[in-house]
Amino acid sequence: MVSPISTALAGLNRARENLNSSAEKVARGNIDVDTLVDAKVAAQDVKVQAKNLSLMLKRDKEILDILA
């Protein structure tokens, strides 16, 4: 069984890799519209995935509190 937290971490890592890739392209001087859009989308994806992970951890804490 795949843990929701593992899935959230995988999504966060994927988003971070995409953001790093876009940042490297910009740093090399490849500042075209596609690269900037990719960077913006990747940055938003990092935020979404971080929030997803935060919610998964909060949910697990609440479940543990109920079971305690």
N, C-alpha and C. Protein backbone atom coordinates (compact mmCIF):
# COMPACT_ATOMS: atom_id res chain seq x y z
N MET A 1 0.84 -1.18 0.00
CA MET A 1 0.00 0.00 0.00
C MET A 1 0.89 1.25 0.00
N VAL A 2 0.54 2.20 -0.82
CA VAL A 2 1.30 3.44 -0.92
C VAL A 2 0.74 4.44 0.08
N SER A 3 1.62 4.98 0.89
CA SER A 3 1.23 5.95 1.91
C SER A 3 0.91 7.30 1.26
N PRO A 4 -0.15 7.96 1.70
CA PRO A 4 -0.44 9.31 1.18
C PRO A 4 0.72 10.28 1.43
N ILE A 5 1.42 10.10 2.54
CA ILE A 5 2.55 10.98 2.82
C ILE A 5 3.67 10.73 1.82
N SER A 6 3.91 9.46 1.48
CA SER A 6 4.93 9.14 0.47
C SER A 6 4.57 9.74 -0.88
N THR A 7 3.30 9.68 -1.22
CA THR A 7 2.83 10.27 -2.47
C THR A 7 3.02 11.78 -2.46
N ALA A 8 2.69 12.41 -1.34
CA ALA A 8 2.86 13.87 -1.22
C ALA A 8 4.33 14.25 -1.31
N LEU A 9 5.20 13.47 -0.67
CA LEU A 9 6.65 13.75 -0.75
C LEU A 9 7.17 13.57 -2.17
N ALA A 10 6.69 12.54 -2.85
CA ALA A 10 7.11 12.32 -4.24
C ALA A 10 6.67 13.50 -5.11
N GLY A 11 5.46 13.98 -4.91
CA GLY A 11 4.97 15.14 -5.65
C GLY A 11 5.79 16.39 -5.36
N LEU A 12 6.15 16.57 -4.10
CA LEU A 12 6.97 17.73 -3.72
C LEU A 12 8.35 17.64 -4.36
N ASN A 13 8.95 16.46 -4.34
CA ASN A 13 10.27 16.28 -4.96
C ASN A 13 10.22 16.52 -6.46
N ARG A 14 9.16 16.03 -7.12
CA ARG A 14 9.01 16.24 -8.56
C ARG A 14 8.88 17.73 -8.87
N ALA A 15 8.06 18.41 -8.10
CA ALA A 15 7.86 19.84 -8.30
C ALA A 15 9.16 20.61 -8.07
N ARG A 16 9.90 20.23 -7.04
CA ARG A 16 11.18 20.89 -6.74
C ARG A 16 12.18 20.68 -7.87
N GLU A 17 12.22 19.46 -8.42
CA GLU A 17 13.12 19.18 -9.55
C GLU A 17 12.75 20.02 -10.77
N ASN A 18 11.46 20.15 -11.04
CA ASN A 18 11.01 20.99 -12.16
C ASN A 18 11.40 22.45 -11.94
N LEU A 19 11.25 22.93 -10.72
CA LEU A 19 11.61 24.31 -10.41
C LEU A 19 13.12 24.51 -10.56
N ASN A 20 13.91 23.56 -10.07
CA ASN A 20 15.37 23.66 -10.22
C ASN A 20 15.77 23.67 -11.69
N SER A 21 15.13 22.84 -12.49
CA SER A 21 15.44 22.78 -13.92
C SER A 21 15.15 24.11 -14.59
N SER A 22 14.00 24.69 -14.28
CA SER A 22 13.64 25.99 -14.86
C SER A 22 14.60 27.08 -14.39
N ALA A 23 14.97 27.04 -13.12
CA ALA A 23 15.89 28.04 -12.58
C ALA A 23 17.26 27.95 -13.25
N GLU A 24 17.72 26.73 -13.52
CA GLU A 24 19.00 26.55 -14.21
C GLU A 24 18.95 27.13 -15.63
N LYS A 25 17.83 26.92 -16.32
CA LYS A 25 17.68 27.47 -17.67
C LYS A 25 17.74 29.00 -17.65
N VAL A 26 17.06 29.59 -16.68
CA VAL A 26 17.07 31.05 -16.56
C VAL A 26 18.49 31.54 -16.22
N ALA A 27 19.17 30.82 -15.33
CA ALA A 27 20.53 31.21 -14.94
C ALA A 27 21.50 31.14 -16.12
N ARG A 28 21.25 30.22 -17.05
CA ARG A 28 22.10 30.10 -18.24
C ARG A 28 21.76 31.15 -19.29
N GLY A 29 20.73 31.94 -19.04
CA GLY A 29 20.37 33.00 -19.97
C GLY A 29 19.24 32.64 -20.92
N ASN A 30 18.66 31.47 -20.75
CA ASN A 30 17.54 31.04 -21.59
C ASN A 30 16.25 31.63 -21.00
N ILE A 31 16.04 32.91 -21.29
CA ILE A 31 14.89 33.60 -20.71
C ILE A 31 13.84 33.82 -21.79
N ASP A 32 13.23 32.73 -22.21
CA ASP A 32 12.12 32.85 -23.15
C ASP A 32 10.81 32.64 -22.40
N VAL A 33 9.72 32.87 -23.07
CA VAL A 33 8.41 32.80 -22.43
C VAL A 33 8.13 31.41 -21.87
N ASP A 34 8.46 30.37 -22.63
CA ASP A 34 8.19 29.01 -22.16
C ASP A 34 8.93 28.69 -20.87
N THR A 35 10.18 29.11 -20.79
CA THR A 35 10.97 28.86 -19.59
C THR A 35 10.39 29.60 -18.39
N LEU A 36 9.99 30.84 -18.59
CA LEU A 36 9.41 31.61 -17.49
C LEU A 36 8.07 31.04 -17.04
N VAL A 37 7.27 30.60 -17.99
CA VAL A 37 5.98 29.98 -17.64
C VAL A 37 6.24 28.68 -16.89
N ASP A 38 7.19 27.87 -17.37
CA ASP A 38 7.52 26.62 -16.68
C ASP A 38 7.98 26.89 -15.25
N ALA A 39 8.79 27.93 -15.06
CA ALA A 39 9.27 28.28 -13.73
C ALA A 39 8.11 28.69 -12.82
N LYS A 40 7.20 29.48 -13.35
CA LYS A 40 6.04 29.93 -12.56
C LYS A 40 5.14 28.75 -12.19
N VAL A 41 4.89 27.87 -13.15
CA VAL A 41 4.07 26.68 -12.89
C VAL A 41 4.75 25.78 -11.86
N ALA A 42 6.05 25.59 -12.00
CA ALA A 42 6.79 24.74 -11.06
C ALA A 42 6.76 25.34 -9.65
N ALA A 43 6.91 26.65 -9.55
CA ALA A 43 6.87 27.31 -8.24
C ALA A 43 5.50 27.12 -7.58
N GLN A 44 4.45 27.25 -8.37
CA GLN A 44 3.10 27.05 -7.84
C GLN A 44 2.90 25.59 -7.43
N ASP A 45 3.44 24.67 -8.22
CA ASP A 45 3.32 23.24 -7.90
C ASP A 45 4.03 22.93 -6.59
N VAL A 46 5.19 23.55 -6.34
CA VAL A 46 5.89 23.35 -5.07
C VAL A 46 4.99 23.79 -3.92
N LYS A 47 4.35 24.94 -4.05
CA LYS A 47 3.45 25.43 -3.00
C LYS A 47 2.29 24.47 -2.76
N VAL A 48 1.70 23.99 -3.85
CA VAL A 48 0.56 23.08 -3.73
C VAL A 48 0.99 21.77 -3.08
N GLN A 49 2.11 21.23 -3.51
CA GLN A 49 2.57 19.96 -2.95
C GLN A 49 2.97 20.10 -1.49
N ALA A 50 3.57 21.23 -1.12
CA ALA A 50 3.92 21.47 0.29
C ALA A 50 2.65 21.54 1.14
N LYS A 51 1.62 22.20 0.63
CA LYS A 51 0.35 22.29 1.35
C LYS A 51 -0.28 20.90 1.47
N ASN A 52 -0.21 20.12 0.41
CA ASN A 52 -0.74 18.76 0.43
C ASN A 52 -0.04 17.94 1.51
N LEU A 53 1.28 18.03 1.57
CA LEU A 53 2.03 17.30 2.59
C LEU A 53 1.64 17.78 3.98
N SER A 54 1.51 19.07 4.15
CA SER A 54 1.11 19.63 5.44
C SER A 54 -0.25 19.09 5.88
N LEU A 55 -1.19 19.01 4.95
CA LEU A 55 -2.52 18.50 5.28
C LEU A 55 -2.48 17.01 5.62
N MET A 56 -1.65 16.24 4.92
CA MET A 56 -1.52 14.82 5.22
C MET A 56 -0.96 14.62 6.63
N LEU A 57 0.05 15.40 6.99
CA LEU A 57 0.64 15.29 8.33
C LEU A 57 -0.36 15.72 9.40
N LYS A 58 -1.12 16.76 9.12
CA LYS A 58 -2.14 17.22 10.07
C LYS A 58 -3.21 16.15 10.26
N ARG A 59 -3.63 15.55 9.16
CA ARG A 59 -4.64 14.49 9.24
C ARG A 59 -4.13 13.32 10.07
N ASP A 60 -2.89 12.91 9.84
CA ASP A 60 -2.33 11.80 10.60
C ASP A 60 -2.25 12.13 12.09
N LYS A 61 -1.88 13.37 12.41
CA LYS A 61 -1.82 13.79 13.81
C LYS A 61 -3.21 13.73 14.44
N GLU A 62 -4.21 14.18 13.70
CA GLU A 62 -5.58 14.16 14.23
C GLU A 62 -6.05 12.73 14.45
N ILE A 63 -5.69 11.83 13.56
CA ILE A 63 -6.07 10.42 13.72
C ILE A 63 -5.41 9.85 14.97
N LEU A 64 -4.12 10.17 15.16
CA LEU A 64 -3.42 9.69 16.36
C LEU A 64 -4.04 10.26 17.62
N ASP A 65 -4.46 11.52 17.58
CA ASP A 65 -5.11 12.13 18.74
C ASP A 65 -6.42 11.43 19.06
N ILE A 66 -7.17 11.05 18.04
CA ILE A 66 -8.44 10.34 18.25
C ILE A 66 -8.19 8.97 18.86
N LEU A 67 -7.16 8.30 18.38
CA LEU A 67 -6.86 6.95 18.86
C LEU A 67 -6.22 6.94 20.24
N ALA A 68 -5.68 8.07 20.66
CA ALA A 68 -4.98 8.12 21.96
C ALA A 68 -5.94 8.09 23.13
